[in-house]
N, C-alpha and C. Protein backbone atom coordinates (compact mmCIF):
# COMPACT_ATOMS: atom_id res chain seq x y z
N LYS A 1 -20.43 1.64 23.74
CA LYS A 1 -19.55 2.09 22.67
C LYS A 1 -20.19 1.85 21.30
N ILE A 2 -20.77 0.69 21.11
CA ILE A 2 -21.44 0.39 19.83
C ILE A 2 -22.57 1.38 19.58
N ALA A 3 -23.38 1.62 20.62
CA ALA A 3 -24.51 2.55 20.48
C ALA A 3 -24.02 3.95 20.17
N GLU A 4 -22.96 4.38 20.85
CA GLU A 4 -22.42 5.72 20.62
C GLU A 4 -21.92 5.87 19.19
N ASP A 5 -21.24 4.85 18.69
CA ASP A 5 -20.73 4.91 17.32
C ASP A 5 -21.85 4.96 16.30
N LEU A 6 -22.88 4.14 16.48
CA LEU A 6 -23.99 4.14 15.54
C LEU A 6 -24.72 5.47 15.55
N ARG A 7 -24.90 6.05 16.73
CA ARG A 7 -25.62 7.31 16.83
C ARG A 7 -24.83 8.47 16.25
N SER A 8 -23.53 8.53 16.56
CA SER A 8 -22.73 9.68 16.14
C SER A 8 -22.21 9.58 14.71
N ARG A 9 -21.85 8.37 14.29
CA ARG A 9 -21.23 8.23 12.98
C ARG A 9 -22.20 7.84 11.87
N GLN A 10 -23.25 7.11 12.23
CA GLN A 10 -24.16 6.62 11.20
C GLN A 10 -25.60 7.09 11.39
N SER A 11 -25.81 8.00 12.34
CA SER A 11 -27.11 8.65 12.54
C SER A 11 -28.24 7.66 12.83
N TRP A 12 -27.95 6.65 13.63
CA TRP A 12 -28.99 5.73 14.06
C TRP A 12 -29.80 6.36 15.19
N ASN A 13 -31.03 5.91 15.32
CA ASN A 13 -31.86 6.26 16.47
C ASN A 13 -31.62 5.20 17.54
N VAL A 14 -31.03 5.61 18.66
CA VAL A 14 -30.66 4.68 19.72
C VAL A 14 -31.48 4.96 20.97
N TYR A 15 -32.06 3.89 21.53
CA TYR A 15 -32.87 4.01 22.75
C TYR A 15 -32.29 3.08 23.81
N PHE A 16 -32.15 3.60 25.03
CA PHE A 16 -31.55 2.85 26.13
C PHE A 16 -32.63 2.49 27.14
N VAL A 17 -32.73 1.19 27.45
CA VAL A 17 -33.76 0.71 28.38
C VAL A 17 -33.07 -0.03 29.53
N PRO A 18 -32.96 0.58 30.72
CA PRO A 18 -32.32 -0.10 31.86
C PRO A 18 -33.27 -1.07 32.55
N PHE A 19 -32.78 -2.26 32.86
CA PHE A 19 -33.59 -3.28 33.53
C PHE A 19 -33.12 -3.56 34.95
N GLU A 20 -32.13 -2.84 35.42
CA GLU A 20 -31.64 -3.09 36.78
C GLU A 20 -32.73 -2.77 37.80
N GLY A 21 -32.94 -3.68 38.73
CA GLY A 21 -33.91 -3.46 39.79
C GLY A 21 -35.36 -3.65 39.38
N VAL A 22 -35.59 -4.13 38.16
CA VAL A 22 -36.96 -4.33 37.69
C VAL A 22 -37.57 -5.54 38.39
N GLY A 23 -38.75 -5.35 38.96
CA GLY A 23 -39.42 -6.44 39.66
C GLY A 23 -40.03 -7.46 38.72
N PRO A 24 -40.41 -8.61 39.22
CA PRO A 24 -40.94 -9.69 38.38
C PRO A 24 -42.30 -9.39 37.77
N ASP A 25 -43.00 -8.37 38.28
CA ASP A 25 -44.33 -8.05 37.75
C ASP A 25 -44.30 -6.97 36.68
N VAL A 26 -43.13 -6.45 36.38
CA VAL A 26 -43.01 -5.38 35.38
C VAL A 26 -42.99 -5.97 33.98
N ASP A 27 -43.79 -5.39 33.10
CA ASP A 27 -43.84 -5.84 31.71
C ASP A 27 -42.72 -5.16 30.92
N PRO A 28 -41.78 -5.91 30.35
CA PRO A 28 -40.70 -5.32 29.57
C PRO A 28 -41.20 -4.43 28.42
N VAL A 29 -42.35 -4.77 27.88
CA VAL A 29 -42.90 -3.96 26.80
C VAL A 29 -43.18 -2.54 27.29
N GLU A 30 -43.67 -2.42 28.51
CA GLU A 30 -43.94 -1.09 29.08
C GLU A 30 -42.64 -0.29 29.24
N LEU A 31 -41.57 -0.95 29.66
CA LEU A 31 -40.30 -0.26 29.81
C LEU A 31 -39.77 0.23 28.47
N ILE A 32 -39.85 -0.62 27.47
CA ILE A 32 -39.37 -0.24 26.14
C ILE A 32 -40.22 0.89 25.59
N HIS A 33 -41.53 0.79 25.75
CA HIS A 33 -42.42 1.85 25.30
C HIS A 33 -42.09 3.17 25.98
N GLY A 34 -41.84 3.12 27.29
CA GLY A 34 -41.54 4.34 28.03
C GLY A 34 -40.26 5.01 27.58
N ALA A 35 -39.29 4.22 27.10
CA ALA A 35 -38.02 4.78 26.64
C ALA A 35 -38.11 5.38 25.25
N ILE A 36 -39.11 4.95 24.48
CA ILE A 36 -39.21 5.38 23.09
C ILE A 36 -40.29 6.43 22.87
N ALA A 37 -41.42 6.28 23.55
CA ALA A 37 -42.57 7.15 23.28
C ALA A 37 -43.10 7.77 24.57
N THR A 38 -43.70 8.93 24.43
CA THR A 38 -44.33 9.60 25.57
C THR A 38 -45.85 9.52 25.49
N GLN A 39 -46.35 9.09 24.35
CA GLN A 39 -47.80 9.03 24.17
C GLN A 39 -48.41 7.86 24.95
N VAL A 40 -49.53 8.11 25.59
CA VAL A 40 -50.23 7.09 26.34
C VAL A 40 -50.95 6.15 25.37
N VAL A 41 -50.80 4.86 25.61
CA VAL A 41 -51.38 3.87 24.70
C VAL A 41 -52.90 3.78 24.87
N GLY A 42 -53.37 3.92 26.09
CA GLY A 42 -54.81 3.80 26.33
C GLY A 42 -55.26 2.35 26.26
N ASP A 43 -56.34 2.11 25.56
CA ASP A 43 -56.90 0.76 25.47
C ASP A 43 -56.25 -0.09 24.38
N ARG A 44 -55.37 0.51 23.62
CA ARG A 44 -54.73 -0.25 22.54
C ARG A 44 -53.73 -1.27 23.09
N ASP A 45 -53.51 -2.32 22.30
CA ASP A 45 -52.52 -3.33 22.68
C ASP A 45 -51.13 -2.68 22.61
N MET A 46 -50.42 -2.70 23.72
CA MET A 46 -49.14 -1.98 23.79
C MET A 46 -48.10 -2.56 22.84
N LEU A 47 -48.08 -3.89 22.70
CA LEU A 47 -47.10 -4.50 21.82
C LEU A 47 -47.36 -4.11 20.37
N GLN A 48 -48.62 -4.14 19.95
CA GLN A 48 -48.96 -3.75 18.59
C GLN A 48 -48.64 -2.28 18.34
N TYR A 49 -48.94 -1.45 19.34
CA TYR A 49 -48.65 -0.02 19.20
C TYR A 49 -47.14 0.21 19.09
N LEU A 50 -46.37 -0.48 19.94
CA LEU A 50 -44.92 -0.32 19.92
C LEU A 50 -44.34 -0.79 18.60
N ALA A 51 -44.85 -1.91 18.10
CA ALA A 51 -44.37 -2.45 16.83
C ALA A 51 -44.64 -1.46 15.70
N GLY A 52 -45.83 -0.87 15.69
CA GLY A 52 -46.16 0.11 14.65
C GLY A 52 -45.29 1.35 14.75
N LEU A 53 -45.01 1.76 15.98
CA LEU A 53 -44.19 2.95 16.19
C LEU A 53 -42.75 2.72 15.71
N LEU A 54 -42.18 1.60 16.07
CA LEU A 54 -40.80 1.32 15.70
C LEU A 54 -40.63 1.13 14.20
N LYS A 55 -41.65 0.57 13.55
CA LYS A 55 -41.55 0.34 12.11
C LYS A 55 -41.46 1.65 11.34
N ASP A 56 -41.95 2.73 11.93
CA ASP A 56 -41.94 4.04 11.27
C ASP A 56 -40.68 4.84 11.54
N ILE A 57 -39.78 4.31 12.39
CA ILE A 57 -38.55 5.01 12.72
C ILE A 57 -37.39 4.32 12.02
N PRO A 58 -36.63 5.03 11.17
CA PRO A 58 -35.54 4.38 10.44
C PRO A 58 -34.33 4.12 11.32
N ARG A 59 -33.63 3.03 11.07
CA ARG A 59 -32.34 2.71 11.67
C ARG A 59 -32.40 2.80 13.19
N VAL A 60 -33.04 1.82 13.79
CA VAL A 60 -33.26 1.84 15.25
C VAL A 60 -32.43 0.75 15.93
N LEU A 61 -31.77 1.15 17.01
CA LEU A 61 -31.10 0.21 17.90
C LEU A 61 -31.67 0.42 19.30
N VAL A 62 -32.17 -0.65 19.91
CA VAL A 62 -32.70 -0.60 21.27
C VAL A 62 -31.73 -1.36 22.17
N VAL A 63 -31.12 -0.65 23.11
CA VAL A 63 -30.17 -1.25 24.04
C VAL A 63 -30.91 -1.65 25.31
N LEU A 64 -30.89 -2.94 25.61
CA LEU A 64 -31.55 -3.48 26.80
C LEU A 64 -30.47 -3.85 27.80
N ASP A 65 -30.35 -3.05 28.86
CA ASP A 65 -29.22 -3.20 29.77
C ASP A 65 -29.57 -3.99 31.03
N ASN A 66 -28.69 -4.94 31.38
CA ASN A 66 -28.79 -5.69 32.63
C ASN A 66 -30.00 -6.64 32.63
N LEU A 67 -30.01 -7.59 31.72
CA LEU A 67 -31.15 -8.48 31.54
C LEU A 67 -31.11 -9.74 32.40
N GLU A 68 -30.03 -9.97 33.13
CA GLU A 68 -29.90 -11.26 33.81
C GLU A 68 -30.92 -11.49 34.92
N GLY A 69 -31.57 -10.43 35.41
CA GLY A 69 -32.52 -10.60 36.50
C GLY A 69 -33.95 -10.88 36.06
N LEU A 70 -34.19 -11.00 34.76
CA LEU A 70 -35.54 -11.20 34.27
C LEU A 70 -36.06 -12.61 34.57
N THR A 71 -37.36 -12.70 34.77
CA THR A 71 -37.99 -14.01 34.95
C THR A 71 -38.21 -14.67 33.60
N ARG A 72 -38.60 -15.93 33.62
CA ARG A 72 -38.88 -16.64 32.38
C ARG A 72 -40.00 -15.95 31.60
N GLU A 73 -41.01 -15.48 32.32
CA GLU A 73 -42.14 -14.81 31.68
C GLU A 73 -41.71 -13.49 31.03
N GLN A 74 -40.87 -12.75 31.72
CA GLN A 74 -40.39 -11.48 31.16
C GLN A 74 -39.50 -11.71 29.95
N THR A 75 -38.68 -12.74 30.01
CA THR A 75 -37.83 -13.07 28.87
C THR A 75 -38.68 -13.47 27.67
N ALA A 76 -39.74 -14.23 27.92
CA ALA A 76 -40.64 -14.61 26.83
C ALA A 76 -41.31 -13.38 26.23
N ARG A 77 -41.60 -12.40 27.07
CA ARG A 77 -42.21 -11.15 26.59
C ARG A 77 -41.25 -10.39 25.68
N LEU A 78 -39.98 -10.42 26.01
CA LEU A 78 -38.98 -9.79 25.15
C LEU A 78 -38.94 -10.48 23.79
N THR A 79 -39.08 -11.80 23.79
CA THR A 79 -39.11 -12.55 22.54
C THR A 79 -40.25 -12.06 21.65
N GLU A 80 -41.39 -11.76 22.27
CA GLU A 80 -42.54 -11.24 21.51
C GLU A 80 -42.20 -9.90 20.87
N VAL A 81 -41.49 -9.05 21.61
CA VAL A 81 -41.11 -7.74 21.07
C VAL A 81 -40.19 -7.91 19.87
N VAL A 82 -39.17 -8.74 20.02
CA VAL A 82 -38.23 -8.96 18.93
C VAL A 82 -38.93 -9.53 17.70
N GLY A 83 -39.86 -10.45 17.92
CA GLY A 83 -40.60 -11.04 16.80
C GLY A 83 -41.54 -10.06 16.13
N ALA A 84 -42.05 -9.10 16.89
CA ALA A 84 -43.02 -8.14 16.34
C ALA A 84 -42.37 -7.10 15.44
N VAL A 85 -41.09 -6.82 15.69
CA VAL A 85 -40.38 -5.81 14.89
C VAL A 85 -39.04 -6.37 14.42
N PRO A 86 -39.05 -7.31 13.47
CA PRO A 86 -37.81 -7.96 13.02
C PRO A 86 -36.83 -7.01 12.36
N CYS A 87 -37.30 -5.83 11.92
CA CYS A 87 -36.41 -4.89 11.24
C CYS A 87 -35.60 -4.05 12.22
N ILE A 88 -35.89 -4.17 13.53
CA ILE A 88 -35.21 -3.38 14.55
C ILE A 88 -34.09 -4.21 15.17
N SER A 89 -32.98 -3.54 15.48
CA SER A 89 -31.85 -4.21 16.13
C SER A 89 -31.93 -4.04 17.64
N PHE A 90 -31.77 -5.13 18.36
CA PHE A 90 -31.77 -5.11 19.82
C PHE A 90 -30.40 -5.57 20.31
N LEU A 91 -29.85 -4.83 21.25
CA LEU A 91 -28.57 -5.18 21.86
C LEU A 91 -28.77 -5.28 23.36
N GLY A 92 -28.60 -6.48 23.92
CA GLY A 92 -28.82 -6.68 25.34
C GLY A 92 -27.52 -6.96 26.07
N THR A 93 -27.42 -6.47 27.31
CA THR A 93 -26.27 -6.79 28.15
C THR A 93 -26.73 -7.68 29.29
N SER A 94 -25.94 -8.68 29.60
CA SER A 94 -26.30 -9.62 30.65
C SER A 94 -25.06 -10.38 31.10
N THR A 95 -25.02 -10.79 32.34
CA THR A 95 -23.90 -11.59 32.83
C THR A 95 -24.04 -13.05 32.46
N GLN A 96 -25.18 -13.40 31.87
CA GLN A 96 -25.40 -14.79 31.45
C GLN A 96 -26.33 -14.81 30.25
N PRO A 97 -26.24 -15.82 29.40
CA PRO A 97 -27.11 -15.90 28.22
C PRO A 97 -28.58 -16.02 28.62
N LEU A 98 -29.46 -15.48 27.77
CA LEU A 98 -30.90 -15.59 28.02
C LEU A 98 -31.45 -16.90 27.47
N ARG A 99 -30.68 -17.56 26.62
CA ARG A 99 -31.05 -18.84 26.01
C ARG A 99 -32.31 -18.70 25.15
N LEU A 100 -32.31 -17.69 24.32
CA LEU A 100 -33.40 -17.47 23.37
C LEU A 100 -32.97 -17.95 21.99
N TYR A 101 -33.95 -18.37 21.18
CA TYR A 101 -33.65 -18.88 19.85
C TYR A 101 -33.00 -17.80 18.98
N ALA A 102 -33.50 -16.57 19.11
CA ALA A 102 -32.99 -15.47 18.27
C ALA A 102 -31.73 -14.83 18.85
N GLU A 103 -31.28 -15.32 19.98
CA GLU A 103 -30.15 -14.70 20.66
C GLU A 103 -28.82 -15.05 19.98
N ARG A 104 -27.97 -14.03 19.87
CA ARG A 104 -26.60 -14.23 19.38
C ARG A 104 -25.67 -13.73 20.48
N VAL A 105 -24.93 -14.63 21.11
CA VAL A 105 -24.12 -14.29 22.26
C VAL A 105 -22.73 -13.83 21.83
N ILE A 106 -22.33 -12.67 22.35
CA ILE A 106 -20.98 -12.15 22.12
C ILE A 106 -20.34 -11.93 23.48
N ASN A 107 -19.33 -12.71 23.81
CA ASN A 107 -18.66 -12.56 25.09
C ASN A 107 -17.70 -11.38 25.05
N VAL A 108 -17.85 -10.48 26.00
CA VAL A 108 -17.02 -9.28 26.06
C VAL A 108 -15.98 -9.46 27.16
N GLY A 109 -14.75 -9.56 26.76
CA GLY A 109 -13.67 -9.74 27.72
C GLY A 109 -12.91 -8.45 27.97
N ALA A 110 -11.76 -8.59 28.59
CA ALA A 110 -10.93 -7.43 28.87
C ALA A 110 -10.27 -6.92 27.59
N LEU A 111 -9.94 -5.63 27.59
CA LEU A 111 -9.22 -5.05 26.46
C LEU A 111 -7.74 -5.40 26.57
N PRO A 112 -7.07 -5.56 25.46
CA PRO A 112 -5.63 -5.88 25.52
C PRO A 112 -4.83 -4.72 26.11
N ALA A 113 -4.05 -5.02 27.13
CA ALA A 113 -3.23 -4.00 27.78
C ALA A 113 -1.92 -3.83 27.02
N PRO A 114 -1.28 -2.67 27.14
CA PRO A 114 -0.01 -2.45 26.42
C PRO A 114 1.11 -3.32 26.97
N SER A 115 2.02 -3.69 26.10
CA SER A 115 3.13 -4.53 26.52
C SER A 115 4.14 -3.73 27.34
N LEU A 116 4.83 -4.43 28.20
CA LEU A 116 5.76 -3.79 29.14
C LEU A 116 6.89 -3.05 28.43
N ASP A 117 7.38 -3.59 27.32
CA ASP A 117 8.55 -3.02 26.66
C ASP A 117 8.22 -1.83 25.76
N ARG A 118 6.92 -1.45 25.68
CA ARG A 118 6.56 -0.32 24.81
C ARG A 118 5.75 0.74 25.57
N GLU A 119 5.94 0.80 26.87
CA GLU A 119 5.12 1.71 27.67
C GLU A 119 5.49 3.18 27.49
N LEU A 120 6.57 3.48 26.77
CA LEU A 120 6.94 4.87 26.49
C LEU A 120 6.75 5.23 25.02
N ASP A 121 6.19 4.31 24.24
CA ASP A 121 5.94 4.53 22.81
C ASP A 121 4.57 5.18 22.66
N LEU A 122 4.54 6.51 22.49
CA LEU A 122 3.27 7.24 22.48
C LEU A 122 2.36 6.81 21.33
N ALA A 123 2.93 6.61 20.15
CA ALA A 123 2.10 6.21 19.00
C ALA A 123 1.46 4.85 19.25
N TYR A 124 2.23 3.94 19.80
CA TYR A 124 1.72 2.61 20.11
C TYR A 124 0.65 2.67 21.19
N LEU A 125 0.91 3.44 22.26
CA LEU A 125 -0.05 3.54 23.35
C LEU A 125 -1.35 4.19 22.90
N ALA A 126 -1.26 5.19 22.03
CA ALA A 126 -2.46 5.88 21.56
C ALA A 126 -3.39 4.95 20.80
N GLU A 127 -2.82 3.90 20.18
CA GLU A 127 -3.62 2.94 19.42
C GLU A 127 -4.09 1.77 20.26
N ASN A 128 -3.57 1.64 21.48
CA ASN A 128 -3.97 0.54 22.34
C ASN A 128 -5.40 0.76 22.85
N PRO A 129 -6.31 -0.20 22.69
CA PRO A 129 -7.73 0.01 23.06
C PRO A 129 -7.93 0.35 24.53
N ALA A 130 -7.20 -0.29 25.43
CA ALA A 130 -7.37 -0.03 26.86
C ALA A 130 -6.90 1.37 27.22
N VAL A 131 -5.76 1.77 26.69
CA VAL A 131 -5.25 3.12 26.94
C VAL A 131 -6.18 4.16 26.34
N ALA A 132 -6.66 3.90 25.12
CA ALA A 132 -7.56 4.84 24.45
C ALA A 132 -8.84 5.05 25.24
N LEU A 133 -9.38 3.97 25.80
CA LEU A 133 -10.59 4.08 26.61
C LEU A 133 -10.31 4.90 27.86
N PHE A 134 -9.21 4.63 28.53
CA PHE A 134 -8.86 5.36 29.74
C PHE A 134 -8.72 6.85 29.45
N VAL A 135 -7.99 7.19 28.40
CA VAL A 135 -7.76 8.61 28.06
C VAL A 135 -9.07 9.29 27.70
N ASP A 136 -9.91 8.60 26.93
CA ASP A 136 -11.20 9.18 26.53
C ASP A 136 -12.07 9.50 27.75
N ARG A 137 -12.14 8.55 28.70
CA ARG A 137 -12.96 8.77 29.89
C ARG A 137 -12.33 9.81 30.81
N ALA A 138 -11.01 9.88 30.85
CA ALA A 138 -10.35 10.90 31.66
C ALA A 138 -10.64 12.30 31.11
N GLN A 139 -10.69 12.41 29.80
CA GLN A 139 -10.98 13.71 29.18
C GLN A 139 -12.41 14.16 29.39
N GLN A 140 -13.29 13.23 29.75
CA GLN A 140 -14.66 13.61 30.06
C GLN A 140 -14.75 14.40 31.36
N VAL A 141 -13.83 14.15 32.27
CA VAL A 141 -13.84 14.87 33.55
C VAL A 141 -12.77 15.95 33.62
N ARG A 142 -11.80 15.87 32.72
CA ARG A 142 -10.74 16.89 32.67
C ARG A 142 -10.34 17.07 31.22
N GLN A 143 -10.78 18.15 30.60
CA GLN A 143 -10.62 18.34 29.16
C GLN A 143 -9.17 18.43 28.73
N ASP A 144 -8.28 18.88 29.60
CA ASP A 144 -6.88 19.04 29.20
C ASP A 144 -6.04 17.79 29.46
N PHE A 145 -6.69 16.70 29.84
CA PHE A 145 -5.94 15.46 30.09
C PHE A 145 -5.39 14.94 28.77
N GLN A 146 -4.10 14.57 28.78
CA GLN A 146 -3.46 14.09 27.56
C GLN A 146 -2.51 12.94 27.86
N LEU A 147 -2.32 12.10 26.86
CA LEU A 147 -1.29 11.08 26.90
C LEU A 147 0.00 11.74 26.44
N THR A 148 0.97 11.91 27.32
CA THR A 148 2.21 12.59 26.99
C THR A 148 3.40 11.73 27.40
N ALA A 149 4.59 12.18 27.02
CA ALA A 149 5.80 11.46 27.40
C ALA A 149 5.93 11.40 28.92
N ARG A 150 5.41 12.41 29.60
CA ARG A 150 5.51 12.46 31.06
C ARG A 150 4.54 11.49 31.74
N THR A 151 3.36 11.30 31.14
CA THR A 151 2.32 10.47 31.77
C THR A 151 2.25 9.05 31.20
N ALA A 152 2.91 8.81 30.08
CA ALA A 152 2.76 7.54 29.35
C ALA A 152 3.07 6.32 30.22
N GLY A 153 4.20 6.36 30.92
CA GLY A 153 4.61 5.20 31.71
C GLY A 153 3.60 4.85 32.79
N ALA A 154 3.13 5.87 33.51
CA ALA A 154 2.17 5.63 34.59
C ALA A 154 0.84 5.13 34.03
N ILE A 155 0.40 5.71 32.90
CA ILE A 155 -0.86 5.28 32.30
C ILE A 155 -0.76 3.82 31.85
N ALA A 156 0.34 3.47 31.21
CA ALA A 156 0.52 2.10 30.73
C ALA A 156 0.52 1.11 31.90
N ARG A 157 1.23 1.47 32.98
CA ARG A 157 1.29 0.57 34.15
C ARG A 157 -0.07 0.48 34.84
N LEU A 158 -0.79 1.61 34.90
CA LEU A 158 -2.12 1.61 35.51
C LEU A 158 -3.06 0.71 34.73
N VAL A 159 -3.05 0.84 33.40
CA VAL A 159 -3.92 0.02 32.55
C VAL A 159 -3.60 -1.46 32.72
N ARG A 160 -2.32 -1.79 32.80
CA ARG A 160 -1.94 -3.19 32.99
C ARG A 160 -2.37 -3.69 34.36
N SER A 161 -2.24 -2.84 35.39
CA SER A 161 -2.62 -3.28 36.74
C SER A 161 -4.12 -3.53 36.83
N LEU A 162 -4.91 -2.84 36.00
CA LEU A 162 -6.35 -3.05 35.97
C LEU A 162 -6.75 -4.13 34.97
N GLU A 163 -5.75 -4.76 34.36
CA GLU A 163 -5.94 -5.91 33.46
C GLU A 163 -6.87 -5.61 32.29
N GLY A 164 -6.91 -4.32 31.89
CA GLY A 164 -7.71 -3.95 30.73
C GLY A 164 -9.20 -4.05 30.92
N MET A 165 -9.68 -4.16 32.17
CA MET A 165 -11.12 -4.27 32.43
C MET A 165 -11.79 -2.92 32.16
N PRO A 166 -12.72 -2.84 31.20
CA PRO A 166 -13.31 -1.56 30.82
C PRO A 166 -13.91 -0.78 31.98
N LEU A 167 -14.70 -1.43 32.83
CA LEU A 167 -15.32 -0.71 33.93
C LEU A 167 -14.28 -0.18 34.90
N ALA A 168 -13.25 -0.97 35.20
CA ALA A 168 -12.19 -0.51 36.10
C ALA A 168 -11.45 0.69 35.50
N LEU A 169 -11.22 0.66 34.20
CA LEU A 169 -10.56 1.78 33.53
C LEU A 169 -11.41 3.05 33.63
N GLU A 170 -12.72 2.90 33.44
CA GLU A 170 -13.60 4.06 33.52
C GLU A 170 -13.63 4.64 34.93
N LEU A 171 -13.67 3.78 35.93
CA LEU A 171 -13.71 4.25 37.30
C LEU A 171 -12.40 4.94 37.68
N ALA A 172 -11.28 4.38 37.26
CA ALA A 172 -9.99 5.02 37.53
C ALA A 172 -9.89 6.37 36.83
N ALA A 173 -10.39 6.42 35.60
CA ALA A 173 -10.33 7.67 34.83
C ALA A 173 -11.13 8.79 35.49
N SER A 174 -12.14 8.42 36.26
CA SER A 174 -12.96 9.44 36.93
C SER A 174 -12.17 10.21 37.99
N TRP A 175 -11.00 9.70 38.39
CA TRP A 175 -10.13 10.38 39.35
C TRP A 175 -9.31 11.50 38.71
N SER A 176 -9.36 11.61 37.39
CA SER A 176 -8.46 12.51 36.67
C SER A 176 -8.64 13.97 37.06
N ARG A 177 -9.78 14.32 37.60
CA ARG A 177 -10.01 15.70 38.00
C ARG A 177 -9.07 16.12 39.13
N THR A 178 -8.69 15.17 39.98
CA THR A 178 -7.89 15.52 41.16
C THR A 178 -6.56 14.78 41.28
N LEU A 179 -6.38 13.69 40.53
CA LEU A 179 -5.17 12.88 40.66
C LEU A 179 -4.42 12.77 39.33
N THR A 180 -3.12 12.66 39.41
CA THR A 180 -2.30 12.37 38.24
C THR A 180 -2.33 10.87 37.97
N PRO A 181 -1.95 10.43 36.78
CA PRO A 181 -1.90 8.98 36.52
C PRO A 181 -1.02 8.23 37.51
N GLN A 182 0.10 8.81 37.91
CA GLN A 182 0.96 8.15 38.88
C GLN A 182 0.28 8.02 40.22
N GLN A 183 -0.45 9.05 40.63
CA GLN A 183 -1.18 8.99 41.90
C GLN A 183 -2.30 7.95 41.84
N MET A 184 -2.94 7.85 40.69
CA MET A 184 -3.97 6.81 40.51
C MET A 184 -3.35 5.43 40.66
N LEU A 185 -2.18 5.24 40.02
CA LEU A 185 -1.50 3.95 40.09
C LEU A 185 -1.13 3.62 41.53
N ASP A 186 -0.66 4.62 42.26
CA ASP A 186 -0.31 4.41 43.66
C ASP A 186 -1.53 4.00 44.48
N GLN A 187 -2.66 4.66 44.21
CA GLN A 187 -3.89 4.36 44.95
C GLN A 187 -4.33 2.92 44.69
N VAL A 188 -4.34 2.52 43.43
CA VAL A 188 -4.80 1.18 43.07
C VAL A 188 -3.84 0.12 43.58
N THR A 189 -2.54 0.40 43.51
CA THR A 189 -1.55 -0.55 43.99
C THR A 189 -1.67 -0.76 45.49
N GLU A 190 -1.96 0.33 46.22
CA GLU A 190 -2.07 0.25 47.67
C GLU A 190 -3.34 -0.46 48.11
N ASP A 191 -4.45 -0.15 47.44
CA ASP A 191 -5.73 -0.74 47.84
C ASP A 191 -6.69 -0.73 46.66
N PHE A 192 -6.85 -1.88 46.02
CA PHE A 192 -7.71 -1.97 44.83
C PHE A 192 -9.16 -1.62 45.15
N ASP A 193 -9.60 -1.83 46.39
CA ASP A 193 -10.99 -1.57 46.77
C ASP A 193 -11.33 -0.08 46.73
N ARG A 194 -10.32 0.77 46.62
CA ARG A 194 -10.61 2.20 46.52
C ARG A 194 -11.23 2.55 45.17
N LEU A 195 -11.11 1.62 44.25
CA LEU A 195 -11.65 1.87 42.92
C LEU A 195 -13.14 1.58 42.93
N HIS A 196 -13.94 2.61 43.13
CA HIS A 196 -15.39 2.42 43.18
C HIS A 196 -16.08 3.56 42.46
N ASN A 197 -17.35 3.36 42.22
CA ASN A 197 -18.14 4.32 41.47
C ASN A 197 -18.37 5.60 42.28
N ARG A 198 -17.98 6.74 41.72
CA ARG A 198 -18.17 8.03 42.37
C ARG A 198 -19.23 8.86 41.65
N GLN A 199 -19.85 8.32 40.63
CA GLN A 199 -20.80 9.08 39.83
C GLN A 199 -22.23 8.79 40.23
N ALA A 200 -23.00 9.85 40.46
CA ALA A 200 -24.36 9.70 40.96
C ALA A 200 -25.29 9.06 39.95
N ASP A 201 -24.97 9.18 38.66
CA ASP A 201 -25.89 8.66 37.64
C ASP A 201 -25.48 7.29 37.12
N ARG A 202 -24.53 6.63 37.78
CA ARG A 202 -24.14 5.29 37.37
C ARG A 202 -24.83 4.27 38.26
N ALA A 203 -25.11 3.12 37.69
CA ALA A 203 -25.82 2.08 38.42
C ALA A 203 -25.05 1.62 39.66
N GLY A 204 -25.79 1.26 40.70
CA GLY A 204 -25.17 0.85 41.94
C GLY A 204 -24.26 -0.36 41.80
N ARG A 205 -24.58 -1.28 40.87
CA ARG A 205 -23.75 -2.47 40.69
C ARG A 205 -22.35 -2.12 40.21
N HIS A 206 -22.13 -0.89 39.71
CA HIS A 206 -20.80 -0.48 39.26
C HIS A 206 -19.90 -0.14 40.44
């Protein structure tokens, strides 16, 4: 969400570097280079080349996804990258801190779910972060999906049953092509394990 906002609203250059499944012998610098540039480095030092390249690109955010599997050596290599280009912003996702000196940890919890006594208040629900995320992701698979007086109650109850967990909300929203919010709620209530990733381009851990 942060990357999307910076790219769409403030015209930042955003690069996404996935680390899921990366083996212990992979150099993080090579992964970052591959996400940003197509030019072959050759005999040049890759870190120096990458640093020079990034310094010439204005307003850069590099998203490093799923860093918890890195070795100590790979983590140290990331520190070298961050030190080489201090003007660049790096945003990493991980289930645990990397314990780096330059690291700033932000714990991401669940989104606040709508209160029980306001589940039919459309204006209130539209401003609720969990409901807004669900509706936005539902509209990605079904453009005519809307928060209405008819669907509000089921959407509010569904969001509460998923405890505002962003990934769970996204996975439930992917059903919008074939199910109504009430049917989604019934599915989740009957068997929470039915909520799984159906998208071919999403990581297996989802």
